[in-house]
């Protein structure tokens, strides 16, 4: 209940155009939050991420998926950063674990062997595929968050990034067949001075 209340409050603040922590809350100068269409789904990758989460457990998977999402997000924000185009496997293993390398391979990285330093993953430059994998990794990480102990700051950040909130279900509340309004058959009641 606390998570749902925090999510609703954060959604109202972001939708109203408020920037949390800017001191300009409610001014509307920033404009309303734009609705961004998520990239297409990759169900095969989603199944692999679900299996990874079950094998690692939610707390460990949350950390590793969060680290992977940070790396992929940074690359997607600055695709010209050559340092992110090639990552040594030993360093990446310490950050996300070798079990999560499949997400990087799916994002357009390919394994290269470097004789003195071991092996590395090099990005091929497929930005569209990178966005799809980033979205799937973020969703998998968001599903690991415990809705009973999520902080308001986390909920606010998730809403600002248009990500899935933990413990919140998407409900289709559209009316299947709208019923047109009928004209009233009752007479208007008379005012006291008209009687």
Protein backbone atom coordinates (compact mmCIF):
# COMPACT_ATOMS: atom_id res chain seq x y z
CA UNK A 1 0.00 0.00 0.00
CA UNK A 2 2.86 2.37 0.83
CA UNK A 3 4.56 1.60 -2.49
CA UNK A 4 1.34 2.25 -4.42
CA UNK A 5 0.80 5.55 -2.59
CA UNK A 6 4.40 6.63 -3.24
CA UNK A 7 4.05 5.65 -6.90
CA UNK A 8 0.85 7.67 -7.28
CA UNK A 9 2.42 10.73 -5.66
CA UNK A 10 5.55 10.48 -7.79
CA UNK A 11 3.46 10.04 -10.94
CA UNK A 12 1.44 13.18 -10.13
CA UNK A 13 4.61 15.19 -9.54
CA UNK A 14 6.28 14.05 -12.74
CA UNK A 15 3.13 14.42 -14.85
CA UNK A 16 2.58 17.92 -13.52
CA UNK A 17 6.00 18.86 -14.84
CA UNK A 18 7.67 19.08 -11.45
CA UNK A 19 11.35 18.34 -11.24
CA UNK A 20 12.11 16.62 -7.96
CA UNK A 21 14.81 18.42 -5.99
CA UNK A 22 14.99 21.45 -8.27
CA UNK A 23 13.07 23.84 -6.04
CA UNK A 24 10.78 24.56 -8.99
CA UNK A 25 8.17 21.95 -8.14
CA UNK A 26 4.80 22.63 -9.66
CA UNK A 27 5.88 25.57 -11.83
CA UNK A 28 5.24 23.63 -15.00
CA UNK A 29 8.15 25.35 -16.75
CA UNK A 30 9.64 22.02 -17.74
CA UNK A 31 6.37 20.92 -19.37
CA UNK A 32 4.51 17.67 -18.86
CA UNK A 33 6.38 14.40 -19.02
CA UNK A 34 6.48 13.06 -22.57
CA UNK A 35 5.10 9.61 -23.23
CA UNK A 36 7.86 7.54 -24.77
CA UNK A 37 7.05 4.37 -26.64
CA UNK A 38 9.11 1.43 -25.36
CA UNK A 39 11.22 -0.45 -27.90
CA UNK A 40 9.92 -3.75 -29.30
CA UNK A 41 9.94 -6.72 -26.97
CA UNK A 42 12.47 -9.55 -27.17
CA UNK A 43 10.71 -12.53 -25.63
CA UNK A 44 13.68 -14.88 -26.07
CA UNK A 45 15.97 -12.51 -24.15
CA UNK A 46 13.25 -11.99 -21.53
CA UNK A 47 13.11 -15.76 -20.92
CA UNK A 48 16.89 -15.88 -20.48
CA UNK A 49 16.76 -12.95 -18.06
CA UNK A 50 13.97 -14.63 -16.07
CA UNK A 51 16.04 -17.83 -15.84
CA UNK A 52 19.06 -15.76 -14.76
CA UNK A 53 16.99 -14.06 -12.04
CA UNK A 54 15.67 -17.38 -10.73
CA UNK A 55 19.16 -18.91 -10.70
CA UNK A 56 20.82 -15.95 -8.94
CA UNK A 57 17.99 -14.95 -6.60
CA UNK A 58 16.35 -11.52 -6.51
CA UNK A 59 18.89 -9.54 -4.40
CA UNK A 60 21.96 -10.66 -6.36
CA UNK A 61 20.15 -10.40 -9.70
CA UNK A 62 18.96 -6.88 -8.85
CA UNK A 63 22.55 -5.71 -8.32
CA UNK A 64 23.96 -7.39 -11.42
CA UNK A 65 21.07 -6.36 -13.68
CA UNK A 66 21.31 -2.81 -12.33
CA UNK A 67 25.02 -2.68 -13.15
CA UNK A 68 24.41 -4.08 -16.64
CA UNK A 69 21.64 -1.54 -17.23
CA UNK A 70 23.96 1.31 -16.14
CA UNK A 71 26.64 0.21 -18.61
CA UNK A 72 24.18 -0.23 -21.47
CA UNK A 73 22.40 3.07 -20.65
CA UNK A 74 25.69 4.97 -20.61
CA UNK A 75 26.61 3.48 -23.98
CA UNK A 76 23.19 4.31 -25.44
CA UNK A 77 23.45 7.92 -24.21
CA UNK A 78 26.93 8.38 -25.68
CA UNK A 79 27.50 5.97 -28.55
CA UNK A 80 30.61 7.88 -29.61
CA UNK A 81 32.44 7.00 -26.35
CA UNK A 82 35.12 4.59 -27.61
CA UNK A 83 35.92 3.42 -24.05
CA UNK A 84 32.52 1.76 -23.86
CA UNK A 85 32.86 0.08 -27.26
CA UNK A 86 35.37 -2.44 -25.93
CA UNK A 87 35.22 -3.91 -22.43
CA UNK A 88 37.59 -6.46 -20.98
CA UNK A 89 35.81 -9.61 -19.88
CA UNK A 90 37.58 -9.79 -16.51
CA UNK A 91 36.42 -6.27 -15.60
CA UNK A 92 32.91 -6.93 -16.89
CA UNK A 93 32.83 -10.18 -14.89
CA UNK A 94 33.50 -8.25 -11.67
CA UNK A 95 30.73 -5.77 -12.49
CA UNK A 96 27.91 -8.01 -13.73
CA UNK A 97 29.11 -11.61 -13.51
CA UNK A 98 29.91 -13.91 -16.39
CA UNK A 99 26.43 -15.39 -16.27
CA UNK A 100 25.03 -12.11 -17.65
CA UNK A 101 27.37 -11.85 -20.65
CA UNK A 102 24.55 -13.15 -22.85
CA UNK A 103 22.79 -9.78 -22.47
CA UNK A 104 25.83 -7.93 -23.82
CA UNK A 105 26.18 -10.41 -26.68
CA UNK A 106 22.51 -9.86 -27.47
CA UNK A 107 23.05 -6.05 -27.40
CA UNK A 108 25.49 -6.27 -30.29
CA UNK A 109 28.77 -7.07 -28.54
CA UNK A 110 31.02 -9.80 -29.89
CA UNK A 111 33.79 -11.63 -28.10
CA UNK A 112 37.37 -10.97 -29.16
CA UNK A 113 40.47 -12.61 -27.78
CA UNK A 114 43.27 -10.29 -26.76
CA UNK A 115 46.43 -12.32 -26.24
CA UNK A 116 48.13 -10.35 -23.43
CA UNK A 117 45.03 -9.15 -21.59
CA UNK A 118 42.65 -12.09 -22.08
CA UNK A 119 39.38 -11.54 -23.92
CA UNK A 120 37.12 -8.55 -24.46
CA UNK A 121 33.66 -7.75 -25.73
CA UNK A 122 33.56 -5.26 -28.63
CA UNK A 123 30.36 -3.44 -29.61
CA UNK A 124 29.41 -3.57 -33.30
CA UNK A 125 27.40 -0.32 -33.22
CA UNK A 126 23.79 -1.56 -33.46
CA UNK A 127 21.97 1.21 -31.54
CA UNK A 128 18.47 -0.15 -32.18
CA UNK A 129 19.37 -3.55 -30.73
CA UNK A 130 21.11 -1.82 -27.82
CA UNK A 131 17.87 0.01 -26.92
CA UNK A 132 15.86 -3.22 -27.01
CA UNK A 133 18.30 -5.06 -24.74
CA UNK A 134 18.59 -2.07 -22.37
CA UNK A 135 14.80 -2.01 -22.02
CA UNK A 136 14.63 -5.76 -21.31
CA UNK A 137 17.50 -5.67 -18.78
CA UNK A 138 15.91 -2.69 -16.99
CA UNK A 139 12.55 -4.48 -16.85
CA UNK A 140 14.16 -7.62 -15.45
CA UNK A 141 15.93 -5.54 -12.80
CA UNK A 142 12.74 -3.63 -11.95
CA UNK A 143 10.89 -6.89 -11.39
CA UNK A 144 13.50 -7.83 -8.75
CA UNK A 145 12.68 -4.79 -6.60
CA UNK A 146 10.75 -5.66 -3.43
CA UNK A 147 7.58 -3.50 -3.51
CA UNK A 148 7.23 -3.62 0.29
CA UNK A 149 10.50 -1.82 0.98
CA UNK A 150 10.99 0.44 -2.06
CA UNK A 151 11.95 4.02 -1.26
CA UNK A 152 10.19 7.12 -2.52
CA UNK A 153 13.38 8.18 -4.32
CA UNK A 154 13.48 4.87 -6.19
CA UNK A 155 9.82 5.16 -7.18
CA UNK A 156 10.39 8.75 -8.34
CA UNK A 157 13.37 7.69 -10.45
CA UNK A 158 11.43 4.81 -12.00
CA UNK A 159 8.50 7.11 -12.88
CA UNK A 160 10.82 9.75 -14.35
CA UNK A 161 12.38 7.11 -16.60
CA UNK A 162 8.96 5.64 -17.55
CA UNK A 163 9.94 2.25 -16.13
CA UNK A 164 7.90 -0.53 -14.54
CA UNK A 165 6.97 0.09 -10.91
CA UNK A 166 7.29 -2.88 -8.54
CA UNK A 167 3.98 -4.32 -7.36
CA UNK A 168 1.88 -2.23 -9.76
CA UNK A 169 -0.22 -4.07 -12.32
CA UNK A 170 -1.27 -2.63 -15.66
CA UNK A 171 -5.05 -2.75 -15.79
CA UNK A 172 -6.96 -2.23 -19.01
CA UNK A 173 -9.70 0.08 -17.74
CA UNK A 174 -11.18 0.95 -21.12
CA UNK A 175 -14.88 0.36 -21.57
CA UNK A 176 -15.38 -2.49 -24.03
CA UNK A 177 -18.58 -1.12 -25.55
CA UNK A 178 -19.48 2.43 -24.53
CA UNK A 179 -23.14 3.02 -23.73
CA UNK A 180 -24.51 6.35 -24.96
CA UNK A 181 -26.16 8.61 -22.38
CA UNK A 182 -29.98 8.66 -22.32
CA UNK A 183 -32.18 11.71 -22.09
CA UNK A 184 -33.71 12.06 -18.67
CA UNK A 185 -37.37 11.06 -18.41
CA UNK A 186 -37.88 12.91 -15.13
CA UNK A 187 -39.15 16.46 -14.92
CA UNK A 188 -36.90 19.10 -13.49
CA UNK A 189 -37.79 19.68 -9.83
CA UNK A 190 -39.35 23.09 -9.19
CA UNK A 191 -37.42 25.70 -7.26
CA UNK A 192 -38.94 26.79 -3.94
CA UNK A 193 -40.02 30.16 -5.34
CA UNK A 194 -41.65 28.52 -8.36
CA UNK A 195 -44.10 26.43 -6.27
